[in-house]
Amino acid sequence: MTPNLDEVRLLVDIDVVDGESQRAAAKALHALGPRWALVKGGHLRSSERSCDLLYGGPTFTSSTRRE
């Protein structure tokens, strides 16, 4: 599952604004049933870096790039 941030908000009622809320959203999306949940951070305005976060339970994998 790879929703954009607006879709994340609609699916799990979490407004992704920082790394902590991004992790919470990934866990909540994963709890809906997919094997993997990817929350992309390209639309986050709180950072000059974009961090994509992959969660498949129990650990996270992240990929960070400079915008």
PDB file of N, CA and C in Angstrom:
ATOM      1  N   MET A   1       0.849  -1.160   0.000  1.00  0.00           N
ATOM      2  CA  MET A   1       0.000   0.000   0.000  1.00  0.00           C
ATOM      3  C   MET A   1       0.903   1.234   0.000  1.00  0.00           C
ATOM      4  N   THR A   2       0.655   2.159  -0.924  1.00  0.00           N
ATOM      5  CA  THR A   2       1.494   3.363  -1.019  1.00  0.00           C
ATOM      6  C   THR A   2       0.640   4.616  -1.222  1.00  0.00           C
ATOM      7  N   PRO A   3      -0.157   4.978  -0.249  1.00  0.00           N
ATOM      8  CA  PRO A   3      -0.993   6.177  -0.400  1.00  0.00           C
ATOM      9  C   PRO A   3      -0.169   7.457  -0.287  1.00  0.00           C
ATOM     10  N   ASN A   4      -0.663   8.527  -0.924  1.00  0.00           N
ATOM     11  CA  ASN A   4      -0.039   9.824  -0.697  1.00  0.00           C
ATOM     12  C   ASN A   4      -0.517  10.348   0.662  1.00  0.00           C
ATOM     13  N   LEU A   5      -0.008  11.474   1.102  1.00  0.00           N
ATOM     14  CA  LEU A   5      -0.313  11.938   2.462  1.00  0.00           C
ATOM     15  C   LEU A   5      -1.782  12.302   2.648  1.00  0.00           C
ATOM     16  N   ASP A   6      -2.440  12.813   1.603  1.00  0.00           N
ATOM     17  CA  ASP A   6      -3.874  13.096   1.711  1.00  0.00           C
ATOM     18  C   ASP A   6      -4.663  11.797   1.879  1.00  0.00           C
ATOM     19  N   GLU A   7      -4.279  10.764   1.143  1.00  0.00           N
ATOM     20  CA  GLU A   7      -4.951   9.466   1.260  1.00  0.00           C
ATOM     21  C   GLU A   7      -4.684   8.828   2.617  1.00  0.00           C
ATOM     22  N   VAL A   8      -3.477   9.002   3.151  1.00  0.00           N
ATOM     23  CA  VAL A   8      -3.167   8.492   4.494  1.00  0.00           C
ATOM     24  C   VAL A   8      -4.143   9.085   5.502  1.00  0.00           C
ATOM     25  N   ARG A   9      -4.348  10.398   5.415  1.00  0.00           N
ATOM     26  CA  ARG A   9      -5.250  11.078   6.351  1.00  0.00           C
ATOM     27  C   ARG A   9      -6.664  10.500   6.257  1.00  0.00           C
ATOM     28  N   LEU A  10      -7.129  10.237   5.040  1.00  0.00           N
ATOM     29  CA  LEU A  10      -8.467   9.674   4.857  1.00  0.00           C
ATOM     30  C   LEU A  10      -8.562   8.233   5.359  1.00  0.00           C
ATOM     31  N   LEU A  11      -7.514   7.452   5.149  1.00  0.00           N
ATOM     32  CA  LEU A  11      -7.545   6.037   5.523  1.00  0.00           C
ATOM     33  C   LEU A  11      -7.407   5.795   7.020  1.00  0.00           C
ATOM     34  N   VAL A  12      -6.522   6.539   7.680  1.00  0.00           N
ATOM     35  CA  VAL A  12      -6.235   6.232   9.090  1.00  0.00           C
ATOM     36  C   VAL A  12      -6.397   7.433  10.022  1.00  0.00           C
ATOM     37  N   ASP A  13      -6.866   8.553   9.489  1.00  0.00           N
ATOM     38  CA  ASP A  13      -7.139   9.750  10.289  1.00  0.00           C
ATOM     39  C   ASP A  13      -5.899  10.237  11.047  1.00  0.00           C
ATOM     40  N   ILE A  14      -4.757  10.185  10.374  1.00  0.00           N
ATOM     41  CA  ILE A  14      -3.511  10.711  10.937  1.00  0.00           C
ATOM     42  C   ILE A  14      -2.962  11.731   9.952  1.00  0.00           C
ATOM     43  N   ASP A  15      -2.727  12.940  10.432  1.00  0.00           N
ATOM     44  CA  ASP A  15      -2.135  13.987   9.613  1.00  0.00           C
ATOM     45  C   ASP A  15      -0.617  13.876   9.743  1.00  0.00           C
ATOM     46  N   VAL A  16       0.041  13.436   8.700  1.00  0.00           N
ATOM     47  CA  VAL A  16       1.489  13.226   8.735  1.00  0.00           C
ATOM     48  C   VAL A  16       2.191  14.574   8.578  1.00  0.00           C
ATOM     49  N   VAL A  17       2.844  14.994   9.660  1.00  0.00           N
ATOM     50  CA  VAL A  17       3.520  16.295   9.663  1.00  0.00           C
ATOM     51  C   VAL A  17       4.999  16.185  10.026  1.00  0.00           C
ATOM     52  N   ASP A  18       5.413  15.020  10.533  1.00  0.00           N
ATOM     53  CA  ASP A  18       6.802  14.830  10.956  1.00  0.00           C
ATOM     54  C   ASP A  18       7.097  13.335  11.006  1.00  0.00           C
ATOM     55  N   GLY A  19       8.310  12.997  11.392  1.00  0.00           N
ATOM     56  CA  GLY A  19       8.711  11.600  11.425  1.00  0.00           C
ATOM     57  C   GLY A  19       7.895  10.743  12.371  1.00  0.00           C
ATOM     58  N   GLU A  20       7.543  11.288  13.512  1.00  0.00           N
ATOM     59  CA  GLU A  20       6.761  10.527  14.493  1.00  0.00           C
ATOM     60  C   GLU A  20       5.382  10.180  13.948  1.00  0.00           C
ATOM     61  N   SER A  21       4.696  11.151  13.358  1.00  0.00           N
ATOM     62  CA  SER A  21       3.367  10.873  12.810  1.00  0.00           C
ATOM     63  C   SER A  21       3.468   9.996  11.558  1.00  0.00           C
ATOM     64  N   GLN A  22       4.577  10.080  10.834  1.00  0.00           N
ATOM     65  CA  GLN A  22       4.785   9.210   9.678  1.00  0.00           C
ATOM     66  C   GLN A  22       4.899   7.750  10.125  1.00  0.00           C
ATOM     67  N   ARG A  23       5.624   7.506  11.213  1.00  0.00           N
ATOM     68  CA  ARG A  23       5.734   6.139  11.751  1.00  0.00           C
ATOM     69  C   ARG A  23       4.379   5.638  12.252  1.00  0.00           C
ATOM     70  N   ALA A  24       3.628   6.492  12.941  1.00  0.00           N
ATOM     71  CA  ALA A  24       2.303   6.095  13.434  1.00  0.00           C
ATOM     72  C   ALA A  24       1.377   5.754  12.270  1.00  0.00           C
ATOM     73  N   ALA A  25       1.443   6.539  11.213  1.00  0.00           N
ATOM     74  CA  ALA A  25       0.601   6.285  10.044  1.00  0.00           C
ATOM     75  C   ALA A  25       0.982   4.972   9.367  1.00  0.00           C
ATOM     76  N   ALA A  26       2.270   4.698   9.252  1.00  0.00           N
ATOM     77  CA  ALA A  26       2.708   3.442   8.635  1.00  0.00           C
ATOM     78  C   ALA A  26       2.197   2.242   9.428  1.00  0.00           C
ATOM     79  N   LYS A  27       2.278   2.319  10.743  1.00  0.00           N
ATOM     80  CA  LYS A  27       1.763   1.225  11.584  1.00  0.00           C
ATOM     81  C   LYS A  27       0.255   1.071  11.417  1.00  0.00           C
ATOM     82  N   ALA A  28      -0.465   2.187  11.399  1.00  0.00           N
ATOM     83  CA  ALA A  28      -1.922   2.139  11.263  1.00  0.00           C
ATOM     84  C   ALA A  28      -2.326   1.580   9.899  1.00  0.00           C
ATOM     85  N   LEU A  29      -1.632   1.975   8.854  1.00  0.00           N
ATOM     86  CA  LEU A  29      -1.915   1.428   7.522  1.00  0.00           C
ATOM     87  C   LEU A  29      -1.641  -0.070   7.481  1.00  0.00           C
ATOM     88  N   HIS A  30      -0.537  -0.487   8.065  1.00  0.00           N
ATOM     89  CA  HIS A  30      -0.179  -1.906   8.107  1.00  0.00           C
ATOM     90  C   HIS A  30      -1.255  -2.707   8.839  1.00  0.00           C
ATOM     91  N   ALA A  31      -1.829  -2.127   9.868  1.00  0.00           N
ATOM     92  CA  ALA A  31      -2.877  -2.806  10.638  1.00  0.00           C
ATOM     93  C   ALA A  31      -4.143  -3.030   9.810  1.00  0.00           C
ATOM     94  N   LEU A  32      -4.304  -2.315   8.704  1.00  0.00           N
ATOM     95  CA  LEU A  32      -5.462  -2.512   7.828  1.00  0.00           C
ATOM     96  C   LEU A  32      -5.352  -3.796   7.008  1.00  0.00           C
ATOM     97  N   GLY A  33      -4.146  -4.407   6.983  1.00  0.00           N
ATOM     98  CA  GLY A  33      -4.030  -5.699   6.328  1.00  0.00           C
ATOM     99  C   GLY A  33      -2.956  -5.899   5.289  1.00  0.00           C
ATOM    100  N   PRO A  34      -2.398  -4.852   4.684  1.00  0.00           N
ATOM    101  CA  PRO A  34      -1.371  -5.133   3.680  1.00  0.00           C
ATOM    102  C   PRO A  34      -0.093  -5.671   4.307  1.00  0.00           C
ATOM    103  N   ARG A  35       0.669  -6.404   3.522  1.00  0.00           N
ATOM    104  CA  ARG A  35       1.938  -6.936   4.034  1.00  0.00           C
ATOM    105  C   ARG A  35       2.931  -5.809   4.294  1.00  0.00           C
ATOM    106  N   TRP A  36       2.924  -4.788   3.440  1.00  0.00           N
ATOM    107  CA  TRP A  36       3.832  -3.651   3.551  1.00  0.00           C
ATOM    108  C   TRP A  36       3.044  -2.352   3.424  1.00  0.00           C
ATOM    109  N   ALA A  37       3.465  -1.334   4.145  1.00  0.00           N
ATOM    110  CA  ALA A  37       2.889   0.008   4.019  1.00  0.00           C
ATOM    111  C   ALA A  37       4.037   0.986   3.803  1.00  0.00           C
ATOM    112  N   LEU A  38       3.938   1.773   2.747  1.00  0.00           N
ATOM    113  CA  LEU A  38       4.959   2.766   2.432  1.00  0.00           C
ATOM    114  C   LEU A  38       4.337   4.147   2.557  1.00  0.00           C
ATOM    115  N   VAL A  39       4.871   4.954   3.458  1.00  0.00           N
ATOM    116  CA  VAL A  39       4.413   6.335   3.614  1.00  0.00           C
ATOM    117  C   VAL A  39       5.533   7.224   3.093  1.00  0.00           C
ATOM    118  N   LYS A  40       5.258   7.859   1.957  1.00  0.00           N
ATOM    119  CA  LYS A  40       6.274   8.702   1.333  1.00  0.00           C
ATOM    120  C   LYS A  40       6.241  10.089   1.960  1.00  0.00           C
ATOM    121  N   GLY A  41       7.410  10.655   2.168  1.00  0.00           N
ATOM    122  CA  GLY A  41       7.506  11.944   2.845  1.00  0.00           C
ATOM    123  C   GLY A  41       7.789  13.108   1.933  1.00  0.00           C
ATOM    124  N   GLY A  42       7.606  12.953   0.637  1.00  0.00           N
ATOM    125  CA  GLY A  42       7.915  14.015  -0.302  1.00  0.00           C
ATOM    126  C   GLY A  42       7.094  15.271  -0.135  1.00  0.00           C
ATOM    127  N   HIS A  43       5.914  15.154   0.450  1.00  0.00           N
ATOM    128  CA  HIS A  43       5.054  16.322   0.617  1.00  0.00           C
ATOM    129  C   HIS A  43       5.179  16.964   1.992  1.00  0.00           C
ATOM    130  N   LEU A  44       6.038  16.416   2.850  1.00  0.00           N
ATOM    131  CA  LEU A  44       6.220  17.005   4.177  1.00  0.00           C
ATOM    132  C   LEU A  44       6.899  18.356   4.048  1.00  0.00           C
ATOM    133  N   ARG A  45       6.340  19.347   4.690  1.00  0.00           N
ATOM    134  CA  ARG A  45       6.902  20.687   4.617  1.00  0.00           C
ATOM    135  C   ARG A  45       7.836  20.986   5.775  1.00  0.00           C
ATOM    136  N   SER A  46       7.975  20.053   6.702  1.00  0.00           N
ATOM    137  CA  SER A  46       8.757  20.306   7.912  1.00  0.00           C
ATOM    138  C   SER A  46      10.244  20.029   7.736  1.00  0.00           C
ATOM    139  N   SER A  47      10.655  19.635   6.544  1.00  0.00           N
ATOM    140  CA  SER A  47      12.053  19.253   6.367  1.00  0.00           C
ATOM    141  C   SER A  47      12.515  19.518   4.941  1.00  0.00           C
ATOM    142  N   GLU A  48      13.804  19.750   4.779  1.00  0.00           N
ATOM    143  CA  GLU A  48      14.393  19.867   3.450  1.00  0.00           C
ATOM    144  C   GLU A  48      14.702  18.490   2.881  1.00  0.00           C
ATOM    145  N   ARG A  49      14.564  17.480   3.694  1.00  0.00           N
ATOM    146  CA  ARG A  49      14.820  16.107   3.260  1.00  0.00           C
ATOM    147  C   ARG A  49      13.496  15.367   3.124  1.00  0.00           C
ATOM    148  N   SER A  50      13.473  14.439   2.209  1.00  0.00           N
ATOM    149  CA  SER A  50      12.300  13.608   2.000  1.00  0.00           C
ATOM    150  C   SER A  50      12.620  12.205   2.501  1.00  0.00           C
ATOM    151  N   CYS A  51      11.836  11.716   3.423  1.00  0.00           N
ATOM    152  CA  CYS A  51      12.061  10.394   3.986  1.00  0.00           C
ATOM    153  C   CYS A  51      10.868   9.500   3.655  1.00  0.00           C
ATOM    154  N   ASP A  52      11.113   8.454   2.885  1.00  0.00           N
ATOM    155  CA  ASP A  52      10.095   7.447   2.619  1.00  0.00           C
ATOM    156  C   ASP A  52      10.259   6.358   3.667  1.00  0.00           C
ATOM    157  N   LEU A  53       9.141   5.922   4.230  1.00  0.00           N
ATOM    158  CA  LEU A  53       9.178   4.977   5.337  1.00  0.00           C
ATOM    159  C   LEU A  53       8.383   3.725   4.977  1.00  0.00           C
ATOM    160  N   LEU A  54       9.044   2.582   5.001  1.00  0.00           N
ATOM    161  CA  LEU A  54       8.425   1.298   4.704  1.00  0.00           C
ATOM    162  C   LEU A  54       8.263   0.525   6.003  1.00  0.00           C
ATOM    163  N   TYR A  55       7.044  -0.002   6.213  1.00  0.00           N
ATOM    164  CA  TYR A  55       6.785  -0.767   7.433  1.00  0.00           C
ATOM    165  C   TYR A  55       6.116  -2.077   7.059  1.00  0.00           C
ATOM    166  N   GLY A  56       6.687  -3.160   7.558  1.00  0.00           N
ATOM    167  CA  GLY A  56       6.110  -4.478   7.354  1.00  0.00           C
ATOM    168  C   GLY A  56       5.962  -5.214   8.666  1.00  0.00           C
ATOM    169  N   GLY A  57       6.015  -4.471   9.774  1.00  0.00           N
ATOM    170  CA  GLY A  57       5.987  -5.009  11.112  1.00  0.00           C
ATOM    171  C   GLY A  57       7.227  -5.845  11.364  1.00  0.00           C
ATOM    172  N   PRO A  58       7.870  -5.935  12.339  1.00  0.00           N
ATOM    173  CA  PRO A  58       8.011  -5.071  13.511  1.00  0.00           C
ATOM    174  C   PRO A  58       9.025  -3.942  13.323  1.00  0.00           C
ATOM    175  N   THR A  59       9.651  -3.857  12.118  1.00  0.00           N
ATOM    176  CA  THR A  59      10.690  -2.836  11.942  1.00  0.00           C
ATOM    177  C   THR A  59      10.374  -1.915  10.765  1.00  0.00           C
ATOM    178  N   PHE A  60      11.032  -0.766  10.765  1.00  0.00           N
ATOM    179  CA  PHE A  60      10.899   0.215   9.696  1.00  0.00           C
ATOM    180  C   PHE A  60      12.155   0.196   8.834  1.00  0.00           C
ATOM    181  N   THR A  61      11.980   0.508   7.571  1.00  0.00           N
ATOM    182  CA  THR A  61      13.094   0.755   6.668  1.00  0.00           C
ATOM    183  C   THR A  61      12.860   2.130   6.070  1.00  0.00           C
ATOM    184  N   SER A  62      13.879   2.977   6.108  1.00  0.00           N
ATOM    185  CA  SER A  62      13.692   4.326   5.580  1.00  0.00           C
ATOM    186  C   SER A  62      14.692   4.624   4.479  1.00  0.00           C
ATOM    187  N   SER A  63      14.275   5.517   3.610  1.00  0.00           N
ATOM    188  CA  SER A  63      15.122   6.008   2.531  1.00  0.00           C
ATOM    189  C   SER A  63      15.001   7.525   2.538  1.00  0.00           C
ATOM    190  N   THR A  64      16.119   8.210   2.726  1.00  0.00           N
ATOM    191  CA  THR A  64      16.099   9.666   2.822  1.00  0.00           C
ATOM    192  C   THR A  64      16.871  10.271   1.664  1.00  0.00           C
ATOM    193  N   ARG A  65      16.296  11.333   1.105  1.00  0.00           N
ATOM    194  CA  ARG A  65      16.988  12.070   0.048  1.00  0.00           C
ATOM    195  C   ARG A  65      16.764  13.564   0.243  1.00  0.00           C
ATOM    196  N   ARG A  66      17.680  14.340  -0.230  1.00  0.00           N
ATOM    197  CA  ARG A  66      17.601  15.792  -0.129  1.00  0.00           C
ATOM    198  C   ARG A  66      16.692  16.311  -1.231  1.00  0.00           C
ATOM    199  N   GLU A  67      15.797  17.213  -0.869  1.00  0.00           N
ATOM    200  CA  GLU A  67      14.874  17.806  -1.844  1.00  0.00           C
ATOM    201  C   GLU A  67      15.538  18.912  -2.604  1.00  0.00           C
TER     202      GLU A  67
END
